[in-house]
C-alpha atoms as a PDB file:
ATOM      1  CA  UNK A   1       0.000   0.000   0.000  1.00  0.00           C
ATOM      2  CA  UNK A   2       1.326   3.401  -0.918  1.00  0.00           C
ATOM      3  CA  UNK A   3       1.825   6.019   1.783  1.00  0.00           C
ATOM      4  CA  UNK A   4      -0.817   8.244   0.186  1.00  0.00           C
ATOM      5  CA  UNK A   5      -3.394   5.433   0.119  1.00  0.00           C
ATOM      6  CA  UNK A   6      -2.731   4.639   3.768  1.00  0.00           C
ATOM      7  CA  UNK A   7      -3.132   8.339   4.652  1.00  0.00           C
ATOM      8  CA  UNK A   8      -6.383   8.485   2.686  1.00  0.00           C
ATOM      9  CA  UNK A   9      -7.790   5.460   4.509  1.00  0.00           C
ATOM     10  CA  UNK A  10      -6.830   6.992   7.862  1.00  0.00           C
ATOM     11  CA  UNK A  11      -8.637  10.252   7.085  1.00  0.00           C
ATOM     12  CA  UNK A  12     -11.773   8.449   5.870  1.00  0.00           C
ATOM     13  CA  UNK A  13     -11.860   6.304   9.012  1.00  0.00           C
ATOM     14  CA  UNK A  14     -11.423   9.420  11.152  1.00  0.00           C
ATOM     15  CA  UNK A  15     -14.485  11.032   9.540  1.00  0.00           C
ATOM     16  CA  UNK A  16     -16.625   7.977  10.232  1.00  0.00           C
ATOM     17  CA  UNK A  17     -15.430   7.648  13.816  1.00  0.00           C
ATOM     18  CA  UNK A  18     -16.410  11.273  14.486  1.00  0.00           C
ATOM     19  CA  UNK A  19     -19.892  10.590  13.090  1.00  0.00           C
ATOM     20  CA  UNK A  20     -20.599   7.402  15.051  1.00  0.00           C
ATOM     21  CA  UNK A  21     -22.952   9.089  17.546  1.00  0.00           C
ATOM     22  CA  UNK A  22     -24.969  10.964  14.901  1.00  0.00           C
ATOM     23  CA  UNK A  23     -25.014   8.405  12.077  1.00  0.00           C
ATOM     24  CA  UNK A  24     -28.270   6.583  12.849  1.00  0.00           C
ATOM     25  CA  UNK A  25     -30.327   9.771  13.069  1.00  0.00           C
ATOM     26  CA  UNK A  26     -29.111  11.146   9.726  1.00  0.00           C
ATOM     27  CA  UNK A  27     -28.397   8.151   7.455  1.00  0.00           C
ATOM     28  CA  UNK A  28     -31.625   8.518   5.472  1.00  0.00           C
ATOM     29  CA  UNK A  29     -30.069   7.715   2.103  1.00  0.00           C
ATOM     30  CA  UNK A  30     -27.981   4.818   3.406  1.00  0.00           C
ATOM     31  CA  UNK A  31     -31.075   3.339   5.079  1.00  0.00           C
ATOM     32  CA  UNK A  32     -33.159   3.738   1.909  1.00  0.00           C
ATOM     33  CA  UNK A  33     -30.530   2.086  -0.281  1.00  0.00           C
ATOM     34  CA  UNK A  34     -29.938  -0.664   2.271  1.00  0.00           C
ATOM     35  CA  UNK A  35     -33.612  -1.636   2.354  1.00  0.00           C
ATOM     36  CA  UNK A  36     -33.710  -1.673  -1.463  1.00  0.00           C
ATOM     37  CA  UNK A  37     -30.575  -3.841  -1.551  1.00  0.00           C
ATOM     38  CA  UNK A  38     -32.132  -6.301   0.892  1.00  0.00           C
ATOM     39  CA  UNK A  39     -35.207  -6.573  -1.352  1.00  0.00           C
ATOM     40  CA  UNK A  40     -32.968  -7.411  -4.316  1.00  0.00           C
ATOM     41  CA  UNK A  41     -31.153  -9.991  -2.201  1.00  0.00           C
ATOM     42  CA  UNK A  42     -34.482 -11.552  -1.210  1.00  0.00           C
ATOM     43  CA  UNK A  43     -35.480 -11.900  -4.877  1.00  0.00           C
ATOM     44  CA  UNK A  44     -32.343 -13.954  -5.587  1.00  0.00           C
ATOM     45  CA  UNK A  45     -33.568 -16.764  -3.276  1.00  0.00           C
ATOM     46  CA  UNK A  46     -30.063 -17.589  -2.057  1.00  0.00           C
ATOM     47  CA  UNK A  47     -29.293 -20.127   0.639  1.00  0.00           C
ATOM     48  CA  UNK A  48     -25.814 -19.104   1.862  1.00  0.00           C
ATOM     49  CA  UNK A  49     -23.978 -21.060   4.539  1.00  0.00           C
ATOM     50  CA  UNK A  50     -21.870 -18.034   5.482  1.00  0.00           C
ATOM     51  CA  UNK A  51     -22.174 -14.260   4.961  1.00  0.00           C
ATOM     52  CA  UNK A  52     -19.927 -11.228   5.309  1.00  0.00           C
ATOM     53  CA  UNK A  53     -21.064  -7.590   5.518  1.00  0.00           C
ATOM     54  CA  UNK A  54     -18.429  -5.247   4.128  1.00  0.00           C
ATOM     55  CA  UNK A  55     -18.518  -1.806   5.767  1.00  0.00           C
ATOM     56  CA  UNK A  56     -21.268  -2.325   8.322  1.00  0.00           C
ATOM     57  CA  UNK A  57     -21.127   1.118   9.973  1.00  0.00           C
ATOM     58  CA  UNK A  58     -23.328   1.081  13.079  1.00  0.00           C
ATOM     59  CA  UNK A  59     -24.970  -2.157  11.965  1.00  0.00           C
ATOM     60  CA  UNK A  60     -28.327  -0.604  11.103  1.00  0.00           C
ATOM     61  CA  UNK A  61     -28.772  -2.508   7.826  1.00  0.00           C
ATOM     62  CA  UNK A  62     -26.657  -5.417   9.066  1.00  0.00           C
ATOM     63  CA  UNK A  63     -29.297  -6.071  11.707  1.00  0.00           C
ATOM     64  CA  UNK A  64     -31.942  -6.475   8.995  1.00  0.00           C
ATOM     65  CA  UNK A  65     -29.576  -8.723   7.021  1.00  0.00           C
ATOM     66  CA  UNK A  66     -29.067 -10.881  10.114  1.00  0.00           C
ATOM     67  CA  UNK A  67     -32.829 -11.137  10.624  1.00  0.00           C
ATOM     68  CA  UNK A  68     -33.245 -12.366   7.041  1.00  0.00           C
ATOM     69  CA  UNK A  69     -30.647 -15.121   7.597  1.00  0.00           C
ATOM     70  CA  UNK A  70     -31.107 -15.725  11.315  1.00  0.00           C
ATOM     71  CA  UNK A  71     -29.440 -19.168  11.361  1.00  0.00           C
ATOM     72  CA  UNK A  72     -26.456 -18.307   9.177  1.00  0.00           C
ATOM     73  CA  UNK A  73     -23.034 -17.276  10.562  1.00  0.00           C
ATOM     74  CA  UNK A  74     -22.454 -13.606   9.765  1.00  0.00           C
ATOM     75  CA  UNK A  75     -19.082 -11.876   9.718  1.00  0.00           C
ATOM     76  CA  UNK A  76     -19.111  -8.086   9.947  1.00  0.00           C
ATOM     77  CA  UNK A  77     -16.245  -5.697   9.170  1.00  0.00           C
ATOM     78  CA  UNK A  78     -15.603  -1.967   9.289  1.00  0.00           C
ATOM     79  CA  UNK A  79     -12.466   0.133   9.687  1.00  0.00           C
ATOM     80  CA  UNK A  80     -14.055   2.667  12.072  1.00  0.00           C
ATOM     81  CA  UNK A  81     -13.838   1.389  15.639  1.00  0.00           C
ATOM     82  CA  UNK A  82     -16.394   3.883  16.991  1.00  0.00           C
ATOM     83  CA  UNK A  83     -18.942   2.723  14.425  1.00  0.00           C
ATOM     84  CA  UNK A  84     -18.199  -0.865  15.394  1.00  0.00           C
ATOM     85  CA  UNK A  85     -18.923  -0.164  19.061  1.00  0.00           C
ATOM     86  CA  UNK A  86     -22.482   0.733  18.070  1.00  0.00           C
ATOM     87  CA  UNK A  87     -22.660  -2.318  15.794  1.00  0.00           C
ATOM     88  CA  UNK A  88     -21.535  -4.666  18.568  1.00  0.00           C
ATOM     89  CA  UNK A  89     -24.317  -3.414  20.829  1.00  0.00           C
ATOM     90  CA  UNK A  90     -26.918  -3.797  18.085  1.00  0.00           C
ATOM     91  CA  UNK A  91     -25.727  -7.150  16.725  1.00  0.00           C
ATOM     92  CA  UNK A  92     -25.942  -9.209  19.868  1.00  0.00           C
ATOM     93  CA  UNK A  93     -25.854 -12.793  18.607  1.00  0.00           C
ATOM     94  CA  UNK A  94     -23.470 -15.700  18.946  1.00  0.00           C
ATOM     95  CA  UNK A  95     -23.686 -16.189  15.163  1.00  0.00           C
ATOM     96  CA  UNK A  96     -22.376 -12.668  14.444  1.00  0.00           C
ATOM     97  CA  UNK A  97     -18.655 -11.941  14.594  1.00  0.00           C
ATOM     98  CA  UNK A  98     -17.431  -8.330  14.352  1.00  0.00           C
ATOM     99  CA  UNK A  99     -13.957  -7.357  13.121  1.00  0.00           C
ATOM    100  CA  UNK A 100     -12.076  -4.076  12.714  1.00  0.00           C
ATOM    101  CA  UNK A 101     -10.724  -4.520   9.198  1.00  0.00           C
ATOM    102  CA  UNK A 102     -10.714  -2.593   5.952  1.00  0.00           C
ATOM    103  CA  UNK A 103     -11.718  -4.081   2.606  1.00  0.00           C
ATOM    104  CA  UNK A 104      -8.190  -5.042   1.636  1.00  0.00           C
ATOM    105  CA  UNK A 105      -7.608  -7.124   4.781  1.00  0.00           C
ATOM    106  CA  UNK A 106     -10.198  -9.817   4.120  1.00  0.00           C
ATOM    107  CA  UNK A 107      -7.503 -12.467   3.783  1.00  0.00           C
ATOM    108  CA  UNK A 108      -6.862 -12.117   7.521  1.00  0.00           C
ATOM    109  CA  UNK A 109     -10.213 -13.779   8.223  1.00  0.00           C
ATOM    110  CA  UNK A 110      -8.978 -16.984   6.584  1.00  0.00           C
ATOM    111  CA  UNK A 111     -12.473 -17.865   5.426  1.00  0.00           C
ATOM    112  CA  UNK A 112     -14.509 -18.095   2.215  1.00  0.00           C
ATOM    113  CA  UNK A 113     -18.073 -16.773   2.135  1.00  0.00           C
ATOM    114  CA  UNK A 114     -21.099 -17.743   0.066  1.00  0.00           C
ATOM    115  CA  UNK A 115     -22.450 -14.202   0.212  1.00  0.00           C
ATOM    116  CA  UNK A 116     -20.714 -10.834   0.489  1.00  0.00           C
ATOM    117  CA  UNK A 117     -23.033  -7.870   1.144  1.00  0.00           C
ATOM    118  CA  UNK A 118     -22.100  -4.192   1.054  1.00  0.00           C
ATOM    119  CA  UNK A 119     -24.401  -1.193   1.324  1.00  0.00           C
ATOM    120  CA  UNK A 120     -23.086   2.220   0.211  1.00  0.00           C
ATOM    121  CA  UNK A 121     -19.542   1.451   1.345  1.00  0.00           C
ATOM    122  CA  UNK A 122     -17.304   0.151  -1.453  1.00  0.00           C
ATOM    123  CA  UNK A 123     -16.896   3.598  -3.032  1.00  0.00           C
ATOM    124  CA  UNK A 124     -14.759   4.541  -0.011  1.00  0.00           C
ATOM    125  CA  UNK A 125     -12.065   2.163  -1.250  1.00  0.00           C
ATOM    126  CA  UNK A 126      -9.076   4.164  -2.595  1.00  0.00           C
ATOM    127  CA  UNK A 127      -8.530   1.363  -5.130  1.00  0.00           C
ATOM    128  CA  UNK A 128     -11.769  -0.421  -6.057  1.00  0.00           C
ATOM    129  CA  UNK A 129     -10.004  -2.809  -8.458  1.00  0.00           C
ATOM    130  CA  UNK A 130      -7.800  -4.066  -5.614  1.00  0.00           C
ATOM    131  CA  UNK A 131     -10.777  -4.297  -3.260  1.00  0.00           C
ATOM    132  CA  UNK A 132     -12.853  -6.307  -5.758  1.00  0.00           C
ATOM    133  CA  UNK A 133      -9.918  -8.687  -6.163  1.00  0.00           C
ATOM    134  CA  UNK A 134      -9.776  -9.104  -2.374  1.00  0.00           C
ATOM    135  CA  UNK A 135     -13.523  -9.803  -2.289  1.00  0.00           C
ATOM    136  CA  UNK A 136     -13.201 -12.321  -5.135  1.00  0.00           C
ATOM    137  CA  UNK A 137     -10.597 -14.264  -3.180  1.00  0.00           C
ATOM    138  CA  UNK A 138     -12.738 -14.324  -0.025  1.00  0.00           C
ATOM    139  CA  UNK A 139     -15.766 -15.726  -1.867  1.00  0.00           C
ATOM    140  CA  UNK A 140     -16.499 -19.445  -1.989  1.00  0.00           C
ATOM    141  CA  UNK A 141     -16.968 -21.196  -5.331  1.00  0.00           C
ATOM    142  CA  UNK A 142     -19.885 -19.481  -7.130  1.00  0.00           C
ATOM    143  CA  UNK A 143     -20.165 -17.073  -4.200  1.00  0.00           C
ATOM    144  CA  UNK A 144     -22.261 -13.924  -4.644  1.00  0.00           C
ATOM    145  CA  UNK A 145     -21.338 -10.284  -4.051  1.00  0.00           C
ATOM    146  CA  UNK A 146     -24.308  -7.910  -3.797  1.00  0.00           C
ATOM    147  CA  UNK A 147     -23.728  -4.212  -3.246  1.00  0.00           C
ATOM    148  CA  UNK A 148     -24.962  -0.647  -3.706  1.00  0.00           C
ATOM    149  CA  UNK A 149     -22.704   2.331  -4.428  1.00  0.00           C
ATOM    150  CA  UNK A 150     -23.166   5.913  -5.643  1.00  0.00           C
ATOM    151  CA  UNK A 151     -22.165   6.701  -9.216  1.00  0.00           C
ATOM    152  CA  UNK A 152     -20.986   9.741 -11.126  1.00  0.00           C
ATOM    153  CA  UNK A 153     -23.623  12.448 -10.794  1.00  0.00           C
ATOM    154  CA  UNK A 154     -24.021  11.854  -7.061  1.00  0.00           C
ATOM    155  CA  UNK A 155     -23.784  15.082  -5.024  1.00  0.00           C
ATOM    156  CA  UNK A 156     -23.595  17.063  -8.259  1.00  0.00           C
ATOM    157  CA  UNK A 157     -25.055  20.034  -6.380  1.00  0.00           C
ATOM    158  CA  UNK A 158     -21.878  20.224  -4.292  1.00  0.00           C
ATOM    159  CA  UNK A 159     -19.371  20.441  -7.124  1.00  0.00           C
ATOM    160  CA  UNK A 160     -18.849  24.110  -6.239  1.00  0.00           C
ATOM    161  CA  UNK A 161     -17.848  23.091  -2.696  1.00  0.00           C
ATOM    162  CA  UNK A 162     -16.038  19.794  -3.254  1.00  0.00           C
ATOM    163  CA  UNK A 163     -14.300  17.831  -5.982  1.00  0.00           C
ATOM    164  CA  UNK A 164     -15.279  14.409  -4.677  1.00  0.00           C
ATOM    165  CA  UNK A 165     -15.400  12.116  -7.694  1.00  0.00           C
ATOM    166  CA  UNK A 166     -17.477   8.978  -8.276  1.00  0.00           C
ATOM    167  CA  UNK A 167     -17.074   6.275 -10.907  1.00  0.00           C
ATOM    168  CA  UNK A 168     -19.458   5.905 -13.848  1.00  0.00           C
ATOM    169  CA  UNK A 169     -21.592   2.792 -14.358  1.00  0.00           C
ATOM    170  CA  UNK A 170     -19.327   1.700 -17.216  1.00  0.00           C
ATOM    171  CA  UNK A 171     -16.209   2.065 -15.048  1.00  0.00           C
ATOM    172  CA  UNK A 172     -17.677  -0.080 -12.258  1.00  0.00           C
ATOM    173  CA  UNK A 173     -18.901  -2.625 -14.800  1.00  0.00           C
ATOM    174  CA  UNK A 174     -15.403  -2.922 -16.304  1.00  0.00           C
ATOM    175  CA  UNK A 175     -13.860  -3.421 -12.869  1.00  0.00           C
ATOM    176  CA  UNK A 176     -16.319  -6.208 -12.076  1.00  0.00           C
ATOM    177  CA  UNK A 177     -15.575  -7.992 -15.336  1.00  0.00           C
ATOM    178  CA  UNK A 178     -11.815  -7.616 -14.732  1.00  0.00           C
ATOM    179  CA  UNK A 179     -12.262  -9.116 -11.256  1.00  0.00           C
ATOM    180  CA  UNK A 180     -13.970 -12.210 -12.780  1.00  0.00           C
ATOM    181  CA  UNK A 181     -17.307 -11.326 -11.196  1.00  0.00           C
ATOM    182  CA  UNK A 182     -20.258 -12.174 -13.438  1.00  0.00           C
ATOM    183  CA  UNK A 183     -23.055  -9.594 -13.290  1.00  0.00           C
ATOM    184  CA  UNK A 184     -26.339 -11.314 -12.432  1.00  0.00           C
ATOM    185  CA  UNK A 185     -28.381  -8.155 -11.904  1.00  0.00           C
ATOM    186  CA  UNK A 186     -27.985  -4.412 -11.981  1.00  0.00           C
ATOM    187  CA  UNK A 187     -30.270  -1.433 -11.611  1.00  0.00           C
ATOM    188  CA  UNK A 188     -29.655   2.274 -11.240  1.00  0.00           C
ATOM    189  CA  UNK A 189     -31.870   4.506  -9.154  1.00  0.00           C
ATOM    190  CA  UNK A 190     -31.766   8.258  -8.591  1.00  0.00           C
ATOM    191  CA  UNK A 191     -32.710   9.487  -5.131  1.00  0.00           C
ATOM    192  CA  UNK A 192     -33.017  13.041  -3.883  1.00  0.00           C
ATOM    193  CA  UNK A 193     -32.679  14.334  -0.324  1.00  0.00           C
ATOM    194  CA  UNK A 194     -33.989  17.799   0.512  1.00  0.00           C
ATOM    195  CA  UNK A 195     -32.607  20.364   2.968  1.00  0.00           C
ATOM    196  CA  UNK A 196     -33.469  23.905   4.045  1.00  0.00           C
ATOM    197  CA  UNK A 197     -30.146  25.203   2.672  1.00  0.00           C
ATOM    198  CA  UNK A 198     -26.708  24.150   1.461  1.00  0.00           C
ATOM    199  CA  UNK A 199     -25.215  24.365   4.942  1.00  0.00           C
ATOM    200  CA  UNK A 200     -27.628  21.753   6.286  1.00  0.00           C
ATOM    201  CA  UNK A 201     -26.826  19.519   3.314  1.00  0.00           C
ATOM    202  CA  UNK A 202     -23.106  19.715   4.099  1.00  0.00           C
ATOM    203  CA  UNK A 203     -23.804  19.103   7.783  1.00  0.00           C
ATOM    204  CA  UNK A 204     -25.831  16.024   6.917  1.00  0.00           C
ATOM    205  CA  UNK A 205     -22.804  14.509   5.169  1.00  0.00           C
ATOM    206  CA  UNK A 206     -20.617  15.241   8.193  1.00  0.00           C
ATOM    207  CA  UNK A 207     -23.162  13.617  10.529  1.00  0.00           C
ATOM    208  CA  UNK A 208     -22.882  10.322   8.655  1.00  0.00           C
ATOM    209  CA  UNK A 209     -19.109  10.564   8.142  1.00  0.00           C
ATOM    210  CA  UNK A 210     -19.337  11.135   4.384  1.00  0.00           C
ATOM    211  CA  UNK A 211     -17.477  14.446   4.454  1.00  0.00           C
ATOM    212  CA  UNK A 212     -14.012  13.248   3.425  1.00  0.00           C
ATOM    213  CA  UNK A 213     -12.547  15.194   0.484  1.00  0.00           C
ATOM    214  CA  UNK A 214      -9.272  14.374  -1.263  1.00  0.00           C
ATOM    215  CA  UNK A 215      -7.359  17.566  -0.490  1.00  0.00           C
ATOM    216  CA  UNK A 216      -5.288  17.207  -3.644  1.00  0.00           C
ATOM    217  CA  UNK A 217      -8.503  18.042  -5.502  1.00  0.00           C
ATOM    218  CA  UNK A 218      -9.852  20.605  -3.073  1.00  0.00           C
ATOM    219  CA  UNK A 219      -8.215  23.791  -4.356  1.00  0.00           C
ATOM    220  CA  UNK A 220     -11.501  25.562  -4.838  1.00  0.00           C
ATOM    221  CA  UNK A 221     -13.067  28.802  -3.656  1.00  0.00           C
ATOM    222  CA  UNK A 222     -15.484  27.969  -0.852  1.00  0.00           C
ATOM    223  CA  UNK A 223     -18.620  30.108  -0.500  1.00  0.00           C
ATOM    224  CA  UNK A 224     -19.121  32.216   2.584  1.00  0.00           C
ATOM    225  CA  UNK A 225     -21.064  31.004   5.612  1.00  0.00           C
ATOM    226  CA  UNK A 226     -23.742  33.556   4.740  1.00  0.00           C
ATOM    227  CA  UNK A 227     -24.139  32.147   1.241  1.00  0.00           C
ATOM    228  CA  UNK A 228     -24.325  28.564   2.514  1.00  0.00           C
ATOM    229  CA  UNK A 229     -26.894  29.369   5.190  1.00  0.00           C
ATOM    230  CA  UNK A 230     -29.231  31.394   2.968  1.00  0.00           C
ATOM    231  CA  UNK A 231     -32.789  30.178   3.617  1.00  0.00           C
ATOM    232  CA  UNK A 232     -33.644  28.481   0.336  1.00  0.00           C
ATOM    233  CA  UNK A 233     -34.300  24.837  -0.442  1.00  0.00           C
ATOM    234  CA  UNK A 234     -31.310  22.704  -1.378  1.00  0.00           C
ATOM    235  CA  UNK A 235     -31.256  19.115  -2.636  1.00  0.00           C
ATOM    236  CA  UNK A 236     -28.625  16.404  -2.865  1.00  0.00           C
ATOM    237  CA  UNK A 237     -28.809  13.852  -5.668  1.00  0.00           C
ATOM    238  CA  UNK A 238     -27.687  10.242  -5.241  1.00  0.00           C
ATOM    239  CA  UNK A 239     -27.214   8.333  -8.498  1.00  0.00           C
ATOM    240  CA  UNK A 240     -27.083   4.835  -7.050  1.00  0.00           C
ATOM    241  CA  UNK A 241     -26.419   1.476  -8.685  1.00  0.00           C
ATOM    242  CA  UNK A 242     -27.330  -1.931  -7.266  1.00  0.00           C
ATOM    243  CA  UNK A 243     -25.303  -4.929  -8.435  1.00  0.00           C
ATOM    244  CA  UNK A 244     -25.588  -8.644  -7.821  1.00  0.00           C
ATOM    245  CA  UNK A 245     -22.529 -10.541  -9.065  1.00  0.00           C
ATOM    246  CA  UNK A 246     -21.165 -14.070  -8.882  1.00  0.00           C
ATOM    247  CA  UNK A 247     -17.646 -15.461  -8.729  1.00  0.00           C
ATOM    248  CA  UNK A 248     -16.672 -17.185 -11.962  1.00  0.00           C
END
């Protein structure tokens, strides 16, 4: 891992740790996408013997996943220890094992999973190609990876305040094919979240830990506090894709 990638991961984890106490009350979009992802998973009629949740956060959606597969061993990972403290309290079952790991450390579990689940988390990987390779190697034969991530066009309203970049559908598709993951299902959905002004929109991202910006791309002129807090409606767009894939 390069020094810059390690530094990036550290900063992202720091943002999520700071948001651990406020995440559940403000994760409207993550909750919405998580419920939709669970519905897609249900339609696949899978019968996994083991499951891993990649980037569980406070365990809000993980809890629903566990309820859907109540007799199946579930491994849960996240890199933010403060988020995991909330998850451990919520996921109180002998079948659920919680680990502080990032996506590229899956080999440390020494286990192959029939199902890997990830809700609005994989886009935080500094190198998605490497992460998909790590997931591939932790899947059992014909194992399934199902996930939701935001695509290019997400948070387009904030491009004046941040240069956070997202991948296009075609870019994610190419990475999946390169990782030998067969696409079983995909669907894109555009969601919109409304706020009283731009300041509240930015605060909402901070409250769920999604306020990391690559400072190499942040040389922009920020608006004044007065401009941000002007009392007019402000929306955030989430261009989200749902994928179900299978190990070849």
